[in-house]
Amino acid sequence: GIERLVDASLARVHADLRINLFFENTDLADLRRLLIEQICAASGGPCVYTGRSMEEAHSGMNLSDEDFDAFVEDLVAAMDEVALAASTQQQVLGLFGPM
């Protein structure tokens, strides 16, 4: 479930011309691992998130509200694609509030 969601999200972000440039120098395998950890931990799973805080990870990137909205649109579309339950969708979206 979580791996499918992360894969679908990353595919959408990669194809999204509004925001894909933010990820062009990103180690996608590492990003995938961290997103899986983060979502797993936030949804009550046994995982431990080993990455930086959202604020720290995105510091200095000069992300606009429009950039964030584009990411959330891609994430919501991916959650719909993998038929994630509405309650779980809210948990996942809550991860990105601190940004």
PDB file of N, CA and C in Angstrom:
ATOM      1  N   GLY A   1       0.796  -1.194   0.000  1.00  0.00           N
ATOM      2  CA  GLY A   1       0.000   0.000   0.000  1.00  0.00           C
ATOM      3  C   GLY A   1       0.842   1.262   0.000  1.00  0.00           C
ATOM      4  N   ILE A   2       1.697   1.421   0.996  1.00  0.00           N
ATOM      5  CA  ILE A   2       2.493   2.644   1.110  1.00  0.00           C
ATOM      6  C   ILE A   2       3.493   2.737  -0.036  1.00  0.00           C
ATOM      7  N   GLU A   3       4.114   1.629  -0.374  1.00  0.00           N
ATOM      8  CA  GLU A   3       5.084   1.656  -1.477  1.00  0.00           C
ATOM      9  C   GLU A   3       4.402   2.031  -2.786  1.00  0.00           C
ATOM     10  N   ARG A   4       3.199   1.498  -3.018  1.00  0.00           N
ATOM     11  CA  ARG A   4       2.457   1.850  -4.236  1.00  0.00           C
ATOM     12  C   ARG A   4       2.112   3.334  -4.247  1.00  0.00           C
ATOM     13  N   LEU A   5       1.710   3.862  -3.086  1.00  0.00           N
ATOM     14  CA  LEU A   5       1.382   5.283  -2.988  1.00  0.00           C
ATOM     15  C   LEU A   5       2.602   6.143  -3.292  1.00  0.00           C
ATOM     16  N   VAL A   6       3.725   5.817  -2.684  1.00  0.00           N
ATOM     17  CA  VAL A   6       4.949   6.598  -2.896  1.00  0.00           C
ATOM     18  C   VAL A   6       5.382   6.518  -4.358  1.00  0.00           C
ATOM     19  N   ASP A   7       5.334   5.338  -4.942  1.00  0.00           N
ATOM     20  CA  ASP A   7       5.715   5.197  -6.348  1.00  0.00           C
ATOM     21  C   ASP A   7       4.794   6.010  -7.253  1.00  0.00           C
ATOM     22  N   ALA A   8       3.487   5.962  -6.989  1.00  0.00           N
ATOM     23  CA  ALA A   8       2.533   6.732  -7.794  1.00  0.00           C
ATOM     24  C   ALA A   8       2.758   8.229  -7.616  1.00  0.00           C
ATOM     25  N   SER A   9       3.043   8.652  -6.390  1.00  0.00           N
ATOM     26  CA  SER A   9       3.292  10.073  -6.116  1.00  0.00           C
ATOM     27  C   SER A   9       4.548  10.560  -6.822  1.00  0.00           C
ATOM     28  N   LEU A  10       5.619   9.788  -6.699  1.00  0.00           N
ATOM     29  CA  LEU A  10       6.873  10.197  -7.330  1.00  0.00           C
ATOM     30  C   LEU A  10       6.746  10.232  -8.847  1.00  0.00           C
ATOM     31  N   ALA A  11       5.991   9.314  -9.422  1.00  0.00           N
ATOM     32  CA  ALA A  11       5.779   9.324 -10.875  1.00  0.00           C
ATOM     33  C   ALA A  11       5.037  10.588 -11.293  1.00  0.00           C
ATOM     34  N   ARG A  12       4.036  10.972 -10.521  1.00  0.00           N
ATOM     35  CA  ARG A  12       3.272  12.181 -10.844  1.00  0.00           C
ATOM     36  C   ARG A  12       4.125  13.437 -10.681  1.00  0.00           C
ATOM     37  N   VAL A  13       4.891  13.502  -9.605  1.00  0.00           N
ATOM     38  CA  VAL A  13       5.757  14.662  -9.380  1.00  0.00           C
ATOM     39  C   VAL A  13       6.806  14.759 -10.485  1.00  0.00           C
ATOM     40  N   HIS A  14       7.369  13.626 -10.868  1.00  0.00           N
ATOM     41  CA  HIS A  14       8.382  13.607 -11.927  1.00  0.00           C
ATOM     42  C   HIS A  14       7.818  14.141 -13.243  1.00  0.00           C
ATOM     43  N   ALA A  15       6.554  13.865 -13.509  1.00  0.00           N
ATOM     44  CA  ALA A  15       5.920  14.302 -14.756  1.00  0.00           C
ATOM     45  C   ALA A  15       5.339  15.713 -14.669  1.00  0.00           C
ATOM     46  N   ASP A  16       5.304  16.289 -13.480  1.00  0.00           N
ATOM     47  CA  ASP A  16       4.665  17.592 -13.266  1.00  0.00           C
ATOM     48  C   ASP A  16       5.655  18.720 -13.557  1.00  0.00           C
ATOM     49  N   LEU A  17       5.476  19.370 -14.684  1.00  0.00           N
ATOM     50  CA  LEU A  17       6.398  20.429 -15.100  1.00  0.00           C
ATOM     51  C   LEU A  17       6.392  21.622 -14.157  1.00  0.00           C
ATOM     52  N   ARG A  18       5.380  21.738 -13.320  1.00  0.00           N
ATOM     53  CA  ARG A  18       5.328  22.847 -12.367  1.00  0.00           C
ATOM     54  C   ARG A  18       6.366  22.684 -11.262  1.00  0.00           C
ATOM     55  N   ILE A  19       6.686  21.440 -10.899  1.00  0.00           N
ATOM     56  CA  ILE A  19       7.545  21.232  -9.723  1.00  0.00           C
ATOM     57  C   ILE A  19       8.675  20.238  -9.917  1.00  0.00           C
ATOM     58  N   ASN A  20       8.738  19.546 -11.043  1.00  0.00           N
ATOM     59  CA  ASN A  20       9.749  18.488 -11.162  1.00  0.00           C
ATOM     60  C   ASN A  20      11.179  19.017 -11.106  1.00  0.00           C
ATOM     61  N   LEU A  21      11.377  20.290 -11.411  1.00  0.00           N
ATOM     62  CA  LEU A  21      12.736  20.841 -11.349  1.00  0.00           C
ATOM     63  C   LEU A  21      13.300  20.842  -9.931  1.00  0.00           C
ATOM     64  N   PHE A  22      12.434  20.858  -8.929  1.00  0.00           N
ATOM     65  CA  PHE A  22      12.908  20.819  -7.544  1.00  0.00           C
ATOM     66  C   PHE A  22      13.545  19.472  -7.197  1.00  0.00           C
ATOM     67  N   PHE A  23      13.278  18.460  -8.007  1.00  0.00           N
ATOM     68  CA  PHE A  23      13.739  17.104  -7.714  1.00  0.00           C
ATOM     69  C   PHE A  23      14.839  16.630  -8.656  1.00  0.00           C
ATOM     70  N   GLU A  24      15.311  17.512  -9.549  1.00  0.00           N
ATOM     71  CA  GLU A  24      16.258  17.060 -10.572  1.00  0.00           C
ATOM     72  C   GLU A  24      17.611  16.636 -10.007  1.00  0.00           C
ATOM     73  N   ASN A  25      18.004  17.140  -8.854  1.00  0.00           N
ATOM     74  CA  ASN A  25      19.278  16.738  -8.244  1.00  0.00           C
ATOM     75  C   ASN A  25      19.067  15.895  -6.988  1.00  0.00           C
ATOM     76  N   THR A  26      17.904  15.286  -6.900  1.00  0.00           N
ATOM     77  CA  THR A  26      17.535  14.500  -5.726  1.00  0.00           C
ATOM     78  C   THR A  26      17.832  13.023  -5.965  1.00  0.00           C
ATOM     79  N   ASP A  27      18.363  12.377  -4.954  1.00  0.00           N
ATOM     80  CA  ASP A  27      18.542  10.924  -4.992  1.00  0.00           C
ATOM     81  C   ASP A  27      17.154  10.314  -4.801  1.00  0.00           C
ATOM     82  N   LEU A  28      16.527   9.904  -5.899  1.00  0.00           N
ATOM     83  CA  LEU A  28      15.140   9.450  -5.845  1.00  0.00           C
ATOM     84  C   LEU A  28      14.966   8.164  -5.050  1.00  0.00           C
ATOM     85  N   ALA A  29      15.957   7.299  -5.057  1.00  0.00           N
ATOM     86  CA  ALA A  29      15.863   6.074  -4.257  1.00  0.00           C
ATOM     87  C   ALA A  29      15.836   6.420  -2.770  1.00  0.00           C
ATOM     88  N   ASP A  30      16.655   7.391  -2.368  1.00  0.00           N
ATOM     89  CA  ASP A  30      16.677   7.821  -0.975  1.00  0.00           C
ATOM     90  C   ASP A  30      15.377   8.537  -0.618  1.00  0.00           C
ATOM     91  N   LEU A  31      14.904   9.402  -1.511  1.00  0.00           N
ATOM     92  CA  LEU A  31      13.639  10.098  -1.275  1.00  0.00           C
ATOM     93  C   LEU A  31      12.504   9.086  -1.122  1.00  0.00           C
ATOM     94  N   ARG A  32      12.477   8.085  -1.981  1.00  0.00           N
ATOM     95  CA  ARG A  32      11.451   7.040  -1.907  1.00  0.00           C
ATOM     96  C   ARG A  32      11.497   6.347  -0.551  1.00  0.00           C
ATOM     97  N   ARG A  33      12.692   5.970  -0.121  1.00  0.00           N
ATOM     98  CA  ARG A  33      12.850   5.294   1.175  1.00  0.00           C
ATOM     99  C   ARG A  33      12.341   6.174   2.314  1.00  0.00           C
ATOM    100  N   LEU A  34      12.710   7.456   2.286  1.00  0.00           N
ATOM    101  CA  LEU A  34      12.304   8.371   3.355  1.00  0.00           C
ATOM    102  C   LEU A  34      10.797   8.606   3.365  1.00  0.00           C
ATOM    103  N   LEU A  35      10.200   8.734   2.187  1.00  0.00           N
ATOM    104  CA  LEU A  35       8.748   8.922   2.128  1.00  0.00           C
ATOM    105  C   LEU A  35       8.012   7.693   2.655  1.00  0.00           C
ATOM    106  N   ILE A  36       8.508   6.517   2.314  1.00  0.00           N
ATOM    107  CA  ILE A  36       7.896   5.286   2.828  1.00  0.00           C
ATOM    108  C   ILE A  36       7.998   5.255   4.351  1.00  0.00           C
ATOM    109  N   GLU A  37       9.169   5.559   4.888  1.00  0.00           N
ATOM    110  CA  GLU A  37       9.346   5.599   6.341  1.00  0.00           C
ATOM    111  C   GLU A  37       8.392   6.599   6.979  1.00  0.00           C
ATOM    112  N   GLN A  38       8.334   7.778   6.397  1.00  0.00           N
ATOM    113  CA  GLN A  38       7.549   8.867   6.976  1.00  0.00           C
ATOM    114  C   GLN A  38       6.059   8.527   7.002  1.00  0.00           C
ATOM    115  N   ILE A  39       5.551   8.033   5.897  1.00  0.00           N
ATOM    116  CA  ILE A  39       4.129   7.702   5.825  1.00  0.00           C
ATOM    117  C   ILE A  39       3.814   6.497   6.705  1.00  0.00           C
ATOM    118  N   CYS A  40       4.688   5.520   6.709  1.00  0.00           N
ATOM    119  CA  CYS A  40       4.508   4.337   7.555  1.00  0.00           C
ATOM    120  C   CYS A  40       4.460   4.739   9.032  1.00  0.00           C
ATOM    121  N   ALA A  41       5.394   5.557   9.464  1.00  0.00           N
ATOM    122  CA  ALA A  41       5.440   5.993  10.862  1.00  0.00           C
ATOM    123  C   ALA A  41       4.203   6.818  11.215  1.00  0.00           C
ATOM    124  N   ALA A  42       3.799   7.713  10.322  1.00  0.00           N
ATOM    125  CA  ALA A  42       2.660   8.590  10.591  1.00  0.00           C
ATOM    126  C   ALA A  42       1.337   7.833  10.632  1.00  0.00           C
ATOM    127  N   SER A  43       1.278   6.715   9.934  1.00  0.00           N
ATOM    128  CA  SER A  43       0.032   5.950   9.902  1.00  0.00           C
ATOM    129  C   SER A  43       0.001   4.855  10.968  1.00  0.00           C
ATOM    130  N   GLY A  44       0.931   4.932  11.918  1.00  0.00           N
ATOM    131  CA  GLY A  44       0.923   3.998  13.037  1.00  0.00           C
ATOM    132  C   GLY A  44       1.679   2.709  12.795  1.00  0.00           C
ATOM    133  N   GLY A  45       2.421   2.666  11.700  1.00  0.00           N
ATOM    134  CA  GLY A  45       3.180   1.462  11.377  1.00  0.00           C
ATOM    135  C   GLY A  45       4.429   1.327  12.235  1.00  0.00           C
ATOM    136  N   PRO A  46       5.149   0.259  12.027  1.00  0.00           N
ATOM    137  CA  PRO A  46       6.333   0.000  12.847  1.00  0.00           C
ATOM    138  C   PRO A  46       7.574   0.779  12.408  1.00  0.00           C
ATOM    139  N   CYS A  47       7.470   1.572  11.369  1.00  0.00           N
ATOM    140  CA  CYS A  47       8.639   2.262  10.815  1.00  0.00           C
ATOM    141  C   CYS A  47       9.070   3.437  11.685  1.00  0.00           C
ATOM    142  N   VAL A  48      10.332   3.782  11.568  1.00  0.00           N
ATOM    143  CA  VAL A  48      10.881   4.972  12.210  1.00  0.00           C
ATOM    144  C   VAL A  48      11.397   5.874  11.101  1.00  0.00           C
ATOM    145  N   TYR A  49      10.937   7.123  11.094  1.00  0.00           N
ATOM    146  CA  TYR A  49      11.381   8.083  10.087  1.00  0.00           C
ATOM    147  C   TYR A  49      12.773   8.571  10.461  1.00  0.00           C
ATOM    148  N   THR A  50      13.737   8.418   9.547  1.00  0.00           N
ATOM    149  CA  THR A  50      15.131   8.760   9.836  1.00  0.00           C
ATOM    150  C   THR A  50      15.580  10.040   9.136  1.00  0.00           C
ATOM    151  N   GLY A  51      14.667  10.712   8.461  1.00  0.00           N
ATOM    152  CA  GLY A  51      15.022  11.918   7.715  1.00  0.00           C
ATOM    153  C   GLY A  51      14.911  13.181   8.552  1.00  0.00           C
ATOM    154  N   ARG A  52      15.186  14.289   7.883  1.00  0.00           N
ATOM    155  CA  ARG A  52      15.093  15.598   8.525  1.00  0.00           C
ATOM    156  C   ARG A  52      13.630  16.024   8.633  1.00  0.00           C
ATOM    157  N   SER A  53      13.382  17.046   9.455  1.00  0.00           N
ATOM    158  CA  SER A  53      12.029  17.589   9.546  1.00  0.00           C
ATOM    159  C   SER A  53      11.654  18.193   8.196  1.00  0.00           C
ATOM    160  N   MET A  54      10.363  18.344   7.958  1.00  0.00           N
ATOM    161  CA  MET A  54       9.907  18.938   6.695  1.00  0.00           C
ATOM    162  C   MET A  54      10.483  20.346   6.530  1.00  0.00           C
ATOM    163  N   GLU A  55      10.472  21.101   7.611  1.00  0.00           N
ATOM    164  CA  GLU A  55      10.991  22.467   7.550  1.00  0.00           C
ATOM    165  C   GLU A  55      12.474  22.472   7.187  1.00  0.00           C
ATOM    166  N   GLU A  56      13.245  21.628   7.838  1.00  0.00           N
ATOM    167  CA  GLU A  56      14.685  21.559   7.578  1.00  0.00           C
ATOM    168  C   GLU A  56      14.975  21.052   6.164  1.00  0.00           C
ATOM    169  N   ALA A  57      14.242  20.034   5.736  1.00  0.00           N
ATOM    170  CA  ALA A  57      14.483  19.433   4.422  1.00  0.00           C
ATOM    171  C   ALA A  57      14.202  20.405   3.280  1.00  0.00           C
ATOM    172  N   HIS A  58      13.290  21.348   3.504  1.00  0.00           N
ATOM    173  CA  HIS A  58      12.891  22.254   2.428  1.00  0.00           C
ATOM    174  C   HIS A  58      13.413  23.673   2.623  1.00  0.00           C
ATOM    175  N   SER A  59      14.224  23.875   3.642  1.00  0.00           N
ATOM    176  CA  SER A  59      14.796  25.188   3.913  1.00  0.00           C
ATOM    177  C   SER A  59      15.656  25.648   2.740  1.00  0.00           C
ATOM    178  N   GLY A  60      15.488  26.890   2.345  1.00  0.00           N
ATOM    179  CA  GLY A  60      16.305  27.457   1.280  1.00  0.00           C
ATOM    180  C   GLY A  60      15.863  27.103  -0.123  1.00  0.00           C
ATOM    181  N   MET A  61      14.782  26.344  -0.259  1.00  0.00           N
ATOM    182  CA  MET A  61      14.324  25.954  -1.595  1.00  0.00           C
ATOM    183  C   MET A  61      13.429  27.015  -2.235  1.00  0.00           C
ATOM    184  N   ASN A  62      13.030  27.998  -1.446  1.00  0.00           N
ATOM    185  CA  ASN A  62      12.162  29.072  -1.943  1.00  0.00           C
ATOM    186  C   ASN A  62      10.897  28.534  -2.599  1.00  0.00           C
ATOM    187  N   LEU A  63      10.261  27.585  -1.935  1.00  0.00           N
ATOM    188  CA  LEU A  63       9.019  27.016  -2.442  1.00  0.00           C
ATOM    189  C   LEU A  63       7.881  28.006  -2.244  1.00  0.00           C
ATOM    190  N   SER A  64       7.073  28.157  -3.267  1.00  0.00           N
ATOM    191  CA  SER A  64       5.909  29.042  -3.180  1.00  0.00           C
ATOM    192  C   SER A  64       4.682  28.232  -2.768  1.00  0.00           C
ATOM    193  N   ASP A  65       3.624  28.934  -2.422  1.00  0.00           N
ATOM    194  CA  ASP A  65       2.365  28.254  -2.125  1.00  0.00           C
ATOM    195  C   ASP A  65       1.895  27.458  -3.336  1.00  0.00           C
ATOM    196  N   GLU A  66       2.131  27.997  -4.522  1.00  0.00           N
ATOM    197  CA  GLU A  66       1.735  27.313  -5.751  1.00  0.00           C
ATOM    198  C   GLU A  66       2.515  26.007  -5.927  1.00  0.00           C
ATOM    199  N   ASP A  67       3.800  26.015  -5.573  1.00  0.00           N
ATOM    200  CA  ASP A  67       4.615  24.799  -5.652  1.00  0.00           C
ATOM    201  C   ASP A  67       4.068  23.739  -4.697  1.00  0.00           C
ATOM    202  N   PHE A  68       3.777  24.169  -3.482  1.00  0.00           N
ATOM    203  CA  PHE A  68       3.235  23.251  -2.482  1.00  0.00           C
ATOM    204  C   PHE A  68       1.885  22.697  -2.942  1.00  0.00           C
ATOM    205  N   ASP A  69       1.032  23.577  -3.462  1.00  0.00           N
ATOM    206  CA  ASP A  69      -0.283  23.146  -3.946  1.00  0.00           C
ATOM    207  C   ASP A  69      -0.152  22.120  -5.067  1.00  0.00           C
ATOM    208  N   ALA A  70       0.811  22.322  -5.962  1.00  0.00           N
ATOM    209  CA  ALA A  70       1.029  21.374  -7.061  1.00  0.00           C
ATOM    210  C   ALA A  70       1.435  20.011  -6.508  1.00  0.00           C
ATOM    211  N   PHE A  71       2.320  20.004  -5.506  1.00  0.00           N
ATOM    212  CA  PHE A  71       2.725  18.746  -4.885  1.00  0.00           C
ATOM    213  C   PHE A  71       1.526  18.043  -4.253  1.00  0.00           C
ATOM    214  N   VAL A  72       0.715  18.806  -3.525  1.00  0.00           N
ATOM    215  CA  VAL A  72      -0.453  18.219  -2.868  1.00  0.00           C
ATOM    216  C   VAL A  72      -1.438  17.673  -3.905  1.00  0.00           C
ATOM    217  N   GLU A  73      -1.628  18.394  -5.008  1.00  0.00           N
ATOM    218  CA  GLU A  73      -2.501  17.894  -6.082  1.00  0.00           C
ATOM    219  C   GLU A  73      -1.998  16.543  -6.593  1.00  0.00           C
ATOM    220  N   ASP A  74      -0.697  16.444  -6.807  1.00  0.00           N
ATOM    221  CA  ASP A  74      -0.109  15.186  -7.281  1.00  0.00           C
ATOM    222  C   ASP A  74      -0.287  14.078  -6.248  1.00  0.00           C
ATOM    223  N   LEU A  75      -0.091  14.418  -4.989  1.00  0.00           N
ATOM    224  CA  LEU A  75      -0.235  13.438  -3.914  1.00  0.00           C
ATOM    225  C   LEU A  75      -1.675  12.947  -3.805  1.00  0.00           C
ATOM    226  N   VAL A  76      -2.635  13.869  -3.842  1.00  0.00           N
ATOM    227  CA  VAL A  76      -4.047  13.487  -3.750  1.00  0.00           C
ATOM    228  C   VAL A  76      -4.431  12.597  -4.931  1.00  0.00           C
ATOM    229  N   ALA A  77      -3.972  12.956  -6.125  1.00  0.00           N
ATOM    230  CA  ALA A  77      -4.262  12.132  -7.306  1.00  0.00           C
ATOM    231  C   ALA A  77      -3.671  10.732  -7.145  1.00  0.00           C
ATOM    232  N   ALA A  78      -2.475  10.650  -6.579  1.00  0.00           N
ATOM    233  CA  ALA A  78      -1.845   9.345  -6.350  1.00  0.00           C
ATOM    234  C   ALA A  78      -2.617   8.547  -5.303  1.00  0.00           C
ATOM    235  N   MET A  79      -3.093   9.220  -4.251  1.00  0.00           N
ATOM    236  CA  MET A  79      -3.872   8.524  -3.228  1.00  0.00           C
ATOM    237  C   MET A  79      -5.169   7.984  -3.819  1.00  0.00           C
ATOM    238  N   ASP A  80      -5.801   8.770  -4.690  1.00  0.00           N
ATOM    239  CA  ASP A  80      -7.010   8.292  -5.367  1.00  0.00           C
ATOM    240  C   ASP A  80      -6.678   7.116  -6.279  1.00  0.00           C
ATOM    241  N   GLU A  81      -5.548   7.217  -6.978  1.00  0.00           N
ATOM    242  CA  GLU A  81      -5.129   6.157  -7.904  1.00  0.00           C
ATOM    243  C   GLU A  81      -4.969   4.814  -7.197  1.00  0.00           C
ATOM    244  N   VAL A  82      -4.402   4.845  -5.999  1.00  0.00           N
ATOM    245  CA  VAL A  82      -4.178   3.592  -5.263  1.00  0.00           C
ATOM    246  C   VAL A  82      -5.326   3.273  -4.305  1.00  0.00           C
ATOM    247  N   ALA A  83      -6.408   4.051  -4.391  1.00  0.00           N
ATOM    248  CA  ALA A  83      -7.629   3.833  -3.602  1.00  0.00           C
ATOM    249  C   ALA A  83      -7.359   3.829  -2.097  1.00  0.00           C
ATOM    250  N   LEU A  84      -6.627   4.841  -1.638  1.00  0.00           N
ATOM    251  CA  LEU A  84      -6.330   4.981  -0.216  1.00  0.00           C
ATOM    252  C   LEU A  84      -7.579   5.471   0.509  1.00  0.00           C
ATOM    253  N   ALA A  85      -7.874   4.901   1.658  1.00  0.00           N
ATOM    254  CA  ALA A  85      -9.045   5.295   2.446  1.00  0.00           C
ATOM    255  C   ALA A  85      -8.961   6.772   2.823  1.00  0.00           C
ATOM    256  N   ALA A  86     -10.111   7.421   2.906  1.00  0.00           N
ATOM    257  CA  ALA A  86     -10.163   8.859   3.198  1.00  0.00           C
ATOM    258  C   ALA A  86      -9.475   9.195   4.519  1.00  0.00           C
ATOM    259  N   SER A  87      -9.657   8.366   5.539  1.00  0.00           N
ATOM    260  CA  SER A  87      -9.031   8.646   6.835  1.00  0.00           C
ATOM    261  C   SER A  87      -7.512   8.578   6.733  1.00  0.00           C
ATOM    262  N   THR A  88      -7.011   7.646   5.963  1.00  0.00           N
ATOM    263  CA  THR A  88      -5.568   7.532   5.765  1.00  0.00           C
ATOM    264  C   THR A  88      -5.059   8.695   4.924  1.00  0.00           C
ATOM    265  N   GLN A  89      -5.854   9.135   3.951  1.00  0.00           N
ATOM    266  CA  GLN A  89      -5.465  10.298   3.149  1.00  0.00           C
ATOM    267  C   GLN A  89      -5.253  11.510   4.047  1.00  0.00           C
ATOM    268  N   GLN A  90      -6.127  11.702   5.025  1.00  0.00           N
ATOM    269  CA  GLN A  90      -5.992  12.845   5.929  1.00  0.00           C
ATOM    270  C   GLN A  90      -4.712  12.739   6.759  1.00  0.00           C
ATOM    271  N   GLN A  91      -4.366  11.528   7.193  1.00  0.00           N
ATOM    272  CA  GLN A  91      -3.119  11.333   7.940  1.00  0.00           C
ATOM    273  C   GLN A  91      -1.917  11.691   7.075  1.00  0.00           C
ATOM    274  N   VAL A  92      -1.937  11.235   5.834  1.00  0.00           N
ATOM    275  CA  VAL A  92      -0.821  11.501   4.922  1.00  0.00           C
ATOM    276  C   VAL A  92      -0.708  12.998   4.661  1.00  0.00           C
ATOM    277  N   LEU A  93      -1.819  13.650   4.375  1.00  0.00           N
ATOM    278  CA  LEU A  93      -1.788  15.092   4.110  1.00  0.00           C
ATOM    279  C   LEU A  93      -1.311  15.869   5.333  1.00  0.00           C
ATOM    280  N   GLY A  94      -1.608  15.361   6.526  1.00  0.00           N
ATOM    281  CA  GLY A  94      -1.165  16.007   7.754  1.00  0.00           C
ATOM    282  C   GLY A  94       0.347  16.046   7.903  1.00  0.00           C
ATOM    283  N   LEU A  95       1.042  15.136   7.239  1.00  0.00           N
ATOM    284  CA  LEU A  95       2.507  15.126   7.291  1.00  0.00           C
ATOM    285  C   LEU A  95       3.098  16.388   6.692  1.00  0.00           C
ATOM    286  N   PHE A  96       2.400  16.942   5.715  1.00  0.00           N
ATOM    287  CA  PHE A  96       2.965  18.038   4.948  1.00  0.00           C
ATOM    288  C   PHE A  96       2.514  19.405   5.443  1.00  0.00           C
ATOM    289  N   GLY A  97       1.717  19.430   6.489  1.00  0.00           N
ATOM    290  CA  GLY A  97       1.282  20.688   7.075  1.00  0.00           C
ATOM    291  C   GLY A  97       2.422  21.544   7.607  1.00  0.00           C
ATOM    292  N   PRO A  98       3.439  20.950   8.269  1.00  0.00           N
ATOM    293  CA  PRO A  98       4.530  21.752   8.828  1.00  0.00           C
ATOM    294  C   PRO A  98       5.366  22.505   7.794  1.00  0.00           C
ATOM    295  N   MET A  99       5.210  22.174   6.519  1.00  0.00           N
ATOM    296  CA  MET A  99       6.002  22.855   5.502  1.00  0.00           C
ATOM    297  C   MET A  99       5.522  24.272   5.352  1.00  0.00           C
TER     298      MET A  99
END
